[in-house]
């Protein structure tokens, strides 16, 4: 399956009886802010609270995973704890994510610079817009299991996002 040749509804139909945690659906609370509406890839995780230092480091680095079949664009999943007080991604970082080959960024928190994000050639999902930037207090952690709206997401999982929602699987579909 090509990385854009999927529908989350079809994936849900195929896996609706799965109860072992290998297939998960994120809550329908994320809004679409990027120019790319449909994206998928292996997950890289960040856990941070109102400080986007690690998010910045990652989107400014190569977002492609090197595999024997060639490079695959990854999806950055940011556990911002659902905070609505600071934006963890803005226009400059959205542009960096696109420039560096990230398939998408999913933020359990806020983003800012809506007009700039709307033209970023990457998928961007978040809870809401907030014009306040982050404060540099505690940079956060990367590459650990995170809970996004009560759903576990682990580094190396595969995330699929389209117009109908976001699903996470323990392997490529």
N, C-alpha and C. Protein backbone atom coordinates (compact mmCIF):
# COMPACT_ATOMS: atom_id res chain seq x y z
N UNK A 1 0.85 -1.18 0.00
CA UNK A 1 0.00 0.00 0.00
C UNK A 1 0.89 1.25 0.00
N UNK A 2 0.63 2.16 -0.92
CA UNK A 2 1.34 3.44 -0.93
C UNK A 2 0.95 4.23 0.32
N UNK A 3 1.80 5.13 0.73
CA UNK A 3 1.55 5.86 1.98
C UNK A 3 0.34 6.79 1.92
N UNK A 4 -0.18 7.05 0.73
CA UNK A 4 -1.41 7.85 0.65
C UNK A 4 -2.57 7.02 0.12
N UNK A 5 -2.34 5.74 -0.07
CA UNK A 5 -3.37 4.84 -0.59
C UNK A 5 -4.06 4.12 0.57
N UNK A 6 -4.78 4.88 1.38
CA UNK A 6 -5.48 4.32 2.54
C UNK A 6 -6.66 5.21 2.86
N UNK A 7 -7.58 4.67 3.60
CA UNK A 7 -8.68 5.43 4.19
C UNK A 7 -8.80 4.96 5.63
N UNK A 8 -8.83 5.88 6.57
CA UNK A 8 -8.93 5.47 7.97
C UNK A 8 -10.22 4.69 8.23
N UNK A 9 -11.28 5.00 7.50
CA UNK A 9 -12.53 4.23 7.68
C UNK A 9 -12.32 2.78 7.27
N UNK A 10 -11.61 2.56 6.15
CA UNK A 10 -11.32 1.19 5.72
C UNK A 10 -10.44 0.47 6.73
N UNK A 11 -9.44 1.18 7.27
CA UNK A 11 -8.58 0.56 8.29
C UNK A 11 -9.39 0.18 9.52
N UNK A 12 -10.32 1.04 9.91
CA UNK A 12 -11.18 0.73 11.06
C UNK A 12 -12.07 -0.47 10.77
N UNK A 13 -12.59 -0.56 9.55
CA UNK A 13 -13.41 -1.72 9.19
C UNK A 13 -12.59 -3.01 9.26
N UNK A 14 -11.36 -2.95 8.78
CA UNK A 14 -10.50 -4.14 8.79
C UNK A 14 -10.11 -4.57 10.20
N UNK A 15 -9.98 -3.60 11.11
CA UNK A 15 -9.45 -3.89 12.44
C UNK A 15 -10.46 -3.69 13.56
N UNK A 16 -11.75 -3.61 13.24
CA UNK A 16 -12.76 -3.27 14.26
C UNK A 16 -12.84 -4.29 15.39
N UNK A 17 -12.43 -5.51 15.15
CA UNK A 17 -12.48 -6.53 16.20
C UNK A 17 -11.20 -6.68 16.98
N UNK A 18 -10.19 -5.87 16.66
CA UNK A 18 -8.90 -5.98 17.33
C UNK A 18 -8.99 -5.41 18.74
N UNK A 19 -8.63 -6.23 19.72
CA UNK A 19 -8.71 -5.79 21.12
C UNK A 19 -7.38 -5.89 21.83
N UNK A 20 -6.32 -6.23 21.12
CA UNK A 20 -5.02 -6.43 21.76
C UNK A 20 -4.17 -5.16 21.83
N UNK A 21 -4.71 -4.01 21.39
CA UNK A 21 -3.98 -2.75 21.46
C UNK A 21 -3.10 -2.47 20.26
N UNK A 22 -3.08 -3.36 19.28
CA UNK A 22 -2.24 -3.14 18.11
C UNK A 22 -2.85 -2.13 17.14
N UNK A 23 -4.14 -1.82 17.30
CA UNK A 23 -4.84 -0.85 16.47
C UNK A 23 -5.60 0.10 17.39
N UNK A 24 -5.34 1.41 17.23
CA UNK A 24 -5.98 2.40 18.09
C UNK A 24 -6.49 3.57 17.25
N UNK A 25 -7.54 4.21 17.74
CA UNK A 25 -8.13 5.36 17.06
C UNK A 25 -8.05 6.55 18.01
N UNK A 26 -7.50 7.66 17.52
CA UNK A 26 -7.43 8.86 18.35
C UNK A 26 -8.80 9.54 18.40
N UNK A 27 -9.06 10.20 19.50
CA UNK A 27 -10.32 10.92 19.69
C UNK A 27 -10.49 11.97 18.58
N UNK A 28 -11.73 12.24 18.18
CA UNK A 28 -11.99 13.20 17.10
C UNK A 28 -11.95 14.65 17.57
N UNK A 29 -10.82 15.05 18.13
CA UNK A 29 -10.69 16.40 18.67
C UNK A 29 -9.64 17.22 17.93
N UNK A 30 -8.98 16.62 16.95
CA UNK A 30 -7.90 17.31 16.26
C UNK A 30 -8.40 18.05 15.03
N UNK A 31 -7.92 19.28 14.88
CA UNK A 31 -8.25 20.09 13.71
C UNK A 31 -7.08 20.05 12.74
N UNK A 32 -7.38 20.25 11.48
CA UNK A 32 -6.40 20.18 10.39
C UNK A 32 -5.88 21.58 10.10
N UNK A 33 -4.54 21.77 10.15
CA UNK A 33 -3.96 23.09 9.92
C UNK A 33 -2.96 23.14 8.77
N UNK A 34 -2.44 22.00 8.31
CA UNK A 34 -1.44 21.99 7.26
C UNK A 34 -2.05 21.88 5.88
N UNK A 35 -1.20 22.03 4.85
CA UNK A 35 -1.66 21.93 3.46
C UNK A 35 -1.89 20.49 3.03
N UNK A 36 -1.28 19.54 3.72
CA UNK A 36 -1.44 18.13 3.38
C UNK A 36 -2.51 17.53 4.28
N UNK A 37 -3.59 17.07 3.69
CA UNK A 37 -4.73 16.57 4.46
C UNK A 37 -4.63 15.09 4.81
N UNK A 38 -3.85 14.35 4.04
CA UNK A 38 -3.75 12.90 4.22
C UNK A 38 -2.27 12.55 4.32
N UNK A 39 -1.90 11.91 5.43
CA UNK A 39 -0.50 11.57 5.62
C UNK A 39 -0.36 10.34 6.49
N UNK A 40 0.78 9.70 6.38
CA UNK A 40 1.04 8.48 7.16
C UNK A 40 2.54 8.31 7.28
N UNK A 41 2.93 7.56 8.31
CA UNK A 41 4.34 7.23 8.47
C UNK A 41 4.63 6.69 9.85
N UNK A 42 5.87 6.22 10.01
CA UNK A 42 6.28 5.75 11.33
C UNK A 42 6.39 6.92 12.30
N UNK A 43 6.10 6.64 13.56
CA UNK A 43 5.99 7.68 14.58
C UNK A 43 7.30 7.93 15.31
N UNK A 44 7.56 9.22 15.53
CA UNK A 44 8.59 9.71 16.46
C UNK A 44 7.81 10.47 17.52
N UNK A 45 8.11 10.26 18.79
CA UNK A 45 7.34 10.91 19.86
C UNK A 45 8.15 11.94 20.64
N UNK A 46 7.41 12.93 21.14
CA UNK A 46 7.95 13.96 22.03
C UNK A 46 6.93 14.17 23.13
N UNK A 47 7.41 14.31 24.35
CA UNK A 47 6.56 14.69 25.48
C UNK A 47 7.12 15.99 26.03
N UNK A 48 6.30 17.03 26.01
CA UNK A 48 6.76 18.34 26.49
C UNK A 48 5.56 19.12 27.01
N UNK A 49 5.82 20.03 27.89
CA UNK A 49 4.73 20.85 28.44
C UNK A 49 5.08 22.32 28.27
N UNK A 50 4.43 22.95 27.31
CA UNK A 50 4.55 24.39 27.06
C UNK A 50 5.97 24.83 26.77
N UNK A 51 6.83 23.92 26.29
CA UNK A 51 8.20 24.21 25.87
C UNK A 51 8.47 23.36 24.64
N UNK A 52 8.68 24.00 23.50
CA UNK A 52 8.82 23.25 22.25
C UNK A 52 10.27 23.05 21.82
N UNK A 53 11.21 23.10 22.73
CA UNK A 53 12.63 22.95 22.40
C UNK A 53 12.90 21.68 21.60
N UNK A 54 12.40 20.55 22.05
CA UNK A 54 12.65 19.28 21.37
C UNK A 54 11.88 19.21 20.05
N UNK A 55 10.69 19.78 20.01
CA UNK A 55 9.92 19.83 18.76
C UNK A 55 10.73 20.58 17.71
N UNK A 56 11.27 21.71 18.09
CA UNK A 56 12.09 22.53 17.17
C UNK A 56 13.30 21.73 16.67
N UNK A 57 14.00 21.07 17.58
CA UNK A 57 15.17 20.27 17.19
C UNK A 57 14.79 19.22 16.16
N UNK A 58 13.68 18.54 16.39
CA UNK A 58 13.28 17.46 15.49
C UNK A 58 12.83 17.97 14.12
N UNK A 59 11.94 18.96 14.06
CA UNK A 59 11.46 19.41 12.75
C UNK A 59 12.55 20.09 11.95
N UNK A 60 13.61 20.56 12.63
CA UNK A 60 14.74 21.14 11.91
C UNK A 60 15.76 20.08 11.48
N UNK A 61 15.46 18.81 11.77
CA UNK A 61 16.32 17.70 11.34
C UNK A 61 15.59 16.88 10.27
N UNK A 62 16.31 15.96 9.65
CA UNK A 62 15.74 15.13 8.59
C UNK A 62 14.59 14.29 9.15
N UNK A 63 13.41 14.41 8.56
CA UNK A 63 12.23 13.69 9.02
C UNK A 63 12.04 12.35 8.33
N UNK A 64 13.03 11.91 7.58
CA UNK A 64 12.90 10.64 6.86
C UNK A 64 13.67 9.54 7.57
N UNK A 65 13.02 8.39 7.68
CA UNK A 65 13.64 7.19 8.23
C UNK A 65 14.24 6.42 7.07
N UNK A 66 15.52 6.07 7.20
CA UNK A 66 16.18 5.30 6.14
C UNK A 66 15.85 3.82 6.33
N UNK A 67 15.27 3.21 5.31
CA UNK A 67 14.91 1.79 5.35
C UNK A 67 15.57 1.10 4.16
N UNK A 68 15.62 -0.23 4.16
CA UNK A 68 16.17 -0.95 3.00
C UNK A 68 15.41 -0.64 1.70
N UNK A 69 14.14 -0.26 1.81
CA UNK A 69 13.33 0.08 0.64
C UNK A 69 13.47 1.55 0.24
N UNK A 70 14.24 2.31 0.99
CA UNK A 70 14.40 3.74 0.73
C UNK A 70 13.86 4.57 1.88
N UNK A 71 14.02 5.88 1.78
CA UNK A 71 13.56 6.76 2.87
C UNK A 71 12.04 6.80 2.98
N UNK A 72 11.55 6.85 4.23
CA UNK A 72 10.12 6.95 4.51
C UNK A 72 9.91 8.16 5.43
N UNK A 73 8.99 9.04 5.04
CA UNK A 73 8.69 10.22 5.85
C UNK A 73 8.02 9.79 7.15
N UNK A 74 8.45 10.38 8.26
CA UNK A 74 7.93 10.05 9.58
C UNK A 74 6.88 11.06 10.03
N UNK A 75 6.15 10.69 11.08
CA UNK A 75 5.15 11.56 11.69
C UNK A 75 5.60 11.87 13.11
N UNK A 76 5.70 13.14 13.44
CA UNK A 76 6.04 13.56 14.78
C UNK A 76 4.76 13.68 15.60
N UNK A 77 4.70 12.95 16.71
CA UNK A 77 3.55 13.01 17.61
C UNK A 77 4.01 13.70 18.89
N UNK A 78 3.38 14.83 19.19
CA UNK A 78 3.78 15.67 20.31
C UNK A 78 2.73 15.58 21.42
N UNK A 79 3.15 15.03 22.55
CA UNK A 79 2.30 14.99 23.73
C UNK A 79 2.52 16.29 24.50
N UNK A 80 1.66 17.25 24.24
CA UNK A 80 1.71 18.52 24.95
C UNK A 80 0.77 18.55 26.14
N UNK A 81 0.29 17.37 26.54
CA UNK A 81 -0.59 17.28 27.69
C UNK A 81 -1.94 17.93 27.47
N UNK A 82 -2.29 18.21 26.22
CA UNK A 82 -3.57 18.85 25.94
C UNK A 82 -3.63 20.31 26.36
N UNK A 83 -2.47 20.91 26.64
CA UNK A 83 -2.45 22.29 27.09
C UNK A 83 -2.96 23.24 26.02
N UNK A 84 -3.81 24.16 26.43
CA UNK A 84 -4.33 25.19 25.53
C UNK A 84 -3.74 26.56 25.85
N UNK A 85 -2.62 26.58 26.60
CA UNK A 85 -2.04 27.84 27.05
C UNK A 85 -0.88 28.34 26.20
N UNK A 86 -0.21 27.47 25.44
CA UNK A 86 0.95 27.86 24.63
C UNK A 86 0.94 27.06 23.32
N UNK A 87 1.44 27.65 22.26
CA UNK A 87 1.53 26.96 20.97
C UNK A 87 2.87 26.23 20.88
N UNK A 88 2.81 24.95 20.54
CA UNK A 88 4.02 24.13 20.43
C UNK A 88 4.60 24.09 19.03
N UNK A 89 3.86 24.61 18.04
CA UNK A 89 4.32 24.64 16.66
C UNK A 89 3.73 25.87 16.00
N UNK A 90 4.55 26.56 15.23
CA UNK A 90 4.09 27.74 14.51
C UNK A 90 4.53 27.68 13.05
N UNK A 91 4.38 28.78 12.37
CA UNK A 91 4.67 28.85 10.94
C UNK A 91 6.09 28.47 10.57
N UNK A 92 7.07 28.99 11.31
CA UNK A 92 8.47 28.67 11.00
C UNK A 92 8.76 27.19 11.18
N UNK A 93 8.25 26.60 12.24
CA UNK A 93 8.50 25.17 12.49
C UNK A 93 7.69 24.30 11.53
N UNK A 94 6.50 24.74 11.14
CA UNK A 94 5.73 24.01 10.14
C UNK A 94 6.47 23.98 8.81
N UNK A 95 7.06 25.12 8.44
CA UNK A 95 7.84 25.19 7.20
C UNK A 95 9.07 24.31 7.29
N UNK A 96 9.71 24.28 8.47
CA UNK A 96 10.89 23.43 8.67
C UNK A 96 10.52 21.96 8.54
N UNK A 97 9.38 21.57 9.11
CA UNK A 97 8.92 20.18 9.01
C UNK A 97 8.73 19.79 7.55
N UNK A 98 8.10 20.65 6.77
CA UNK A 98 7.88 20.37 5.35
C UNK A 98 9.22 20.29 4.61
N UNK A 99 10.08 21.26 4.84
CA UNK A 99 11.38 21.32 4.17
C UNK A 99 12.23 20.10 4.47
N UNK A 100 12.10 19.54 5.69
CA UNK A 100 12.94 18.42 6.11
C UNK A 100 12.28 17.06 5.94
N UNK A 101 11.17 17.01 5.22
CA UNK A 101 10.60 15.74 4.82
C UNK A 101 9.71 15.03 5.81
N UNK A 102 9.22 15.71 6.83
CA UNK A 102 8.28 15.09 7.78
C UNK A 102 6.94 14.92 7.08
N UNK A 103 6.32 13.75 7.23
CA UNK A 103 5.00 13.51 6.64
C UNK A 103 3.95 14.35 7.35
N UNK A 104 4.10 14.49 8.67
CA UNK A 104 3.13 15.25 9.43
C UNK A 104 3.55 15.44 10.87
N UNK A 105 2.80 16.30 11.54
CA UNK A 105 2.98 16.57 12.96
C UNK A 105 1.60 16.56 13.60
N UNK A 106 1.44 15.77 14.66
CA UNK A 106 0.19 15.73 15.42
C UNK A 106 0.50 16.25 16.82
N UNK A 107 -0.16 17.33 17.21
CA UNK A 107 0.12 18.00 18.48
C UNK A 107 -1.08 17.89 19.41
N UNK A 108 -0.88 17.23 20.55
CA UNK A 108 -1.90 17.20 21.59
C UNK A 108 -1.71 18.48 22.40
N UNK A 109 -2.09 19.57 21.77
CA UNK A 109 -1.90 20.91 22.30
C UNK A 109 -2.22 21.89 21.18
N UNK A 110 -1.63 23.07 21.26
CA UNK A 110 -1.96 24.14 20.31
C UNK A 110 -0.85 24.42 19.30
N UNK A 111 -1.25 25.08 18.22
CA UNK A 111 -0.34 25.61 17.21
C UNK A 111 -0.69 27.07 17.00
N UNK A 112 0.14 27.77 16.24
CA UNK A 112 -0.14 29.18 15.92
C UNK A 112 0.29 29.48 14.49
N UNK A 113 0.02 30.69 14.04
CA UNK A 113 0.35 31.10 12.67
C UNK A 113 -0.46 30.31 11.66
N UNK A 114 -1.77 30.31 11.80
CA UNK A 114 -2.66 29.50 10.97
C UNK A 114 -2.45 29.72 9.48
N UNK A 115 -2.28 30.96 9.04
CA UNK A 115 -2.12 31.23 7.61
C UNK A 115 -0.83 30.61 7.08
N UNK A 116 0.23 30.66 7.86
CA UNK A 116 1.50 30.07 7.44
C UNK A 116 1.43 28.54 7.46
N UNK A 117 0.80 27.98 8.47
CA UNK A 117 0.67 26.52 8.53
C UNK A 117 -0.17 26.00 7.37
N UNK A 118 -1.17 26.77 6.95
CA UNK A 118 -2.07 26.33 5.88
C UNK A 118 -1.35 26.12 4.56
N UNK A 119 -0.19 26.72 4.37
CA UNK A 119 0.57 26.53 3.13
C UNK A 119 1.79 25.63 3.32
N UNK A 120 1.99 25.14 4.54
CA UNK A 120 3.10 24.22 4.81
C UNK A 120 2.78 22.88 4.16
N UNK A 121 3.68 22.38 3.34
CA UNK A 121 3.45 21.14 2.61
C UNK A 121 3.74 19.92 3.49
N UNK A 122 3.02 19.86 4.58
CA UNK A 122 3.06 18.72 5.49
C UNK A 122 1.73 18.66 6.22
N UNK A 123 1.41 17.51 6.78
CA UNK A 123 0.19 17.39 7.56
C UNK A 123 0.40 17.96 8.95
N UNK A 124 -0.55 18.73 9.43
CA UNK A 124 -0.45 19.31 10.78
C UNK A 124 -1.83 19.21 11.42
N UNK A 125 -1.88 18.51 12.56
CA UNK A 125 -3.12 18.38 13.33
C UNK A 125 -2.83 18.86 14.75
N UNK A 126 -3.79 19.55 15.33
CA UNK A 126 -3.65 20.03 16.70
C UNK A 126 -5.05 20.26 17.27
N UNK A 127 -5.09 20.54 18.58
CA UNK A 127 -6.37 20.76 19.24
C UNK A 127 -6.96 22.13 18.92
N UNK A 128 -6.11 23.16 18.85
CA UNK A 128 -6.62 24.52 18.69
C UNK A 128 -5.49 25.47 18.33
N UNK A 129 -5.88 26.71 18.07
CA UNK A 129 -4.92 27.79 17.82
C UNK A 129 -4.72 28.58 19.11
N UNK A 130 -3.48 29.02 19.33
CA UNK A 130 -3.15 29.87 20.46
C UNK A 130 -1.98 30.75 20.02
N UNK A 131 -2.13 32.06 20.06
CA UNK A 131 -1.05 32.93 19.58
C UNK A 131 0.18 33.00 20.49
N UNK A 132 0.06 32.62 21.76
CA UNK A 132 1.22 32.71 22.65
C UNK A 132 2.27 31.64 22.33
N UNK A 133 3.54 32.05 22.24
CA UNK A 133 4.61 31.06 22.03
C UNK A 133 4.94 30.34 23.33
N UNK A 134 5.80 29.34 23.22
CA UNK A 134 6.20 28.60 24.42
C UNK A 134 7.26 29.38 25.19
N UNK A 135 7.50 28.92 26.41
CA UNK A 135 8.59 29.44 27.24
C UNK A 135 9.63 28.34 27.36
N UNK A 136 10.87 28.71 27.36
CA UNK A 136 11.95 27.73 27.46
C UNK A 136 12.25 27.47 28.94
N UNK A 137 11.59 26.43 29.48
CA UNK A 137 11.78 26.11 30.89
C UNK A 137 12.24 24.68 31.10
N UNK A 138 11.57 23.74 30.46
CA UNK A 138 11.98 22.34 30.55
C UNK A 138 11.73 21.71 29.19
N UNK A 139 12.79 21.31 28.51
CA UNK A 139 12.69 20.95 27.10
C UNK A 139 11.88 19.71 26.75
N UNK A 140 11.65 18.82 27.66
CA UNK A 140 10.87 17.64 27.33
C UNK A 140 11.72 16.44 26.98
N UNK A 141 11.05 15.38 26.54
CA UNK A 141 11.72 14.11 26.24
C UNK A 141 11.25 13.62 24.88
N UNK A 142 12.05 12.75 24.28
CA UNK A 142 11.66 12.16 23.00
C UNK A 142 11.83 10.66 23.03
N UNK A 143 11.19 10.01 22.06
CA UNK A 143 11.30 8.57 21.87
C UNK A 143 10.83 7.76 23.08
N UNK A 144 9.66 8.09 23.60
CA UNK A 144 9.05 7.33 24.67
C UNK A 144 7.57 7.17 24.37
N UNK A 145 6.95 6.18 24.98
CA UNK A 145 5.51 5.99 24.81
C UNK A 145 4.80 7.19 25.42
N UNK A 146 3.80 7.71 24.70
CA UNK A 146 3.04 8.86 25.18
C UNK A 146 1.55 8.54 25.09
N UNK A 147 0.78 9.23 25.90
CA UNK A 147 -0.67 9.11 25.83
C UNK A 147 -1.22 10.36 25.18
N UNK A 148 -1.91 10.16 24.05
CA UNK A 148 -2.52 11.25 23.32
C UNK A 148 -4.04 11.11 23.47
N UNK A 149 -4.63 12.01 24.24
CA UNK A 149 -6.07 11.96 24.49
C UNK A 149 -6.48 10.57 24.98
N UNK A 150 -5.64 10.00 25.85
CA UNK A 150 -5.95 8.71 26.46
C UNK A 150 -5.55 7.49 25.64
N UNK A 151 -4.94 7.69 24.48
CA UNK A 151 -4.54 6.59 23.60
C UNK A 151 -3.02 6.50 23.58
N UNK A 152 -2.49 5.32 23.82
CA UNK A 152 -1.04 5.13 23.80
C UNK A 152 -0.51 5.17 22.38
N UNK A 153 0.58 5.93 22.20
CA UNK A 153 1.30 6.00 20.93
C UNK A 153 2.77 5.80 21.25
N UNK A 154 3.39 4.87 20.52
CA UNK A 154 4.78 4.50 20.80
C UNK A 154 5.68 4.81 19.61
N UNK A 155 6.94 5.12 19.89
CA UNK A 155 7.88 5.31 18.78
C UNK A 155 7.89 4.06 17.91
N UNK A 156 7.86 4.26 16.60
CA UNK A 156 7.86 3.14 15.67
C UNK A 156 6.48 2.66 15.27
N UNK A 157 5.42 3.06 16.01
CA UNK A 157 4.06 2.79 15.55
C UNK A 157 3.88 3.48 14.20
N UNK A 158 2.82 3.12 13.50
CA UNK A 158 2.48 3.79 12.25
C UNK A 158 1.20 4.59 12.47
N UNK A 159 1.22 5.85 12.05
CA UNK A 159 0.07 6.73 12.18
C UNK A 159 -0.48 7.01 10.79
N UNK A 160 -1.81 6.95 10.66
CA UNK A 160 -2.51 7.24 9.42
C UNK A 160 -3.55 8.32 9.71
N UNK A 161 -3.50 9.42 8.97
CA UNK A 161 -4.44 10.52 9.17
C UNK A 161 -5.06 10.91 7.83
N UNK A 162 -6.37 11.08 7.82
CA UNK A 162 -7.06 11.60 6.64
C UNK A 162 -8.24 12.44 7.11
N UNK A 163 -9.13 12.75 6.19
CA UNK A 163 -10.26 13.62 6.49
C UNK A 163 -11.18 13.05 7.56
N UNK A 164 -11.18 11.74 7.75
CA UNK A 164 -12.08 11.11 8.71
C UNK A 164 -11.52 10.93 10.10
N UNK A 165 -10.21 11.02 10.24
CA UNK A 165 -9.62 10.85 11.58
C UNK A 165 -8.20 10.36 11.54
N UNK A 166 -7.77 9.88 12.71
CA UNK A 166 -6.38 9.44 12.90
C UNK A 166 -6.40 8.08 13.56
N UNK A 167 -5.67 7.14 12.97
CA UNK A 167 -5.52 5.82 13.57
C UNK A 167 -4.04 5.52 13.74
N UNK A 168 -3.74 4.66 14.72
CA UNK A 168 -2.37 4.27 15.03
C UNK A 168 -2.33 2.75 15.06
N UNK A 169 -1.29 2.21 14.42
CA UNK A 169 -1.11 0.76 14.37
C UNK A 169 0.31 0.41 14.82
N UNK A 170 0.49 -0.81 15.28
CA UNK A 170 1.82 -1.22 15.71
C UNK A 170 2.73 -1.60 14.54
N UNK A 171 2.20 -1.56 13.32
CA UNK A 171 2.99 -1.88 12.13
C UNK A 171 2.37 -1.18 10.93
N UNK A 172 3.10 -1.19 9.83
CA UNK A 172 2.60 -0.59 8.61
C UNK A 172 1.41 -1.39 8.07
N UNK A 173 0.39 -0.69 7.60
CA UNK A 173 -0.81 -1.34 7.05
C UNK A 173 -0.50 -2.03 5.74
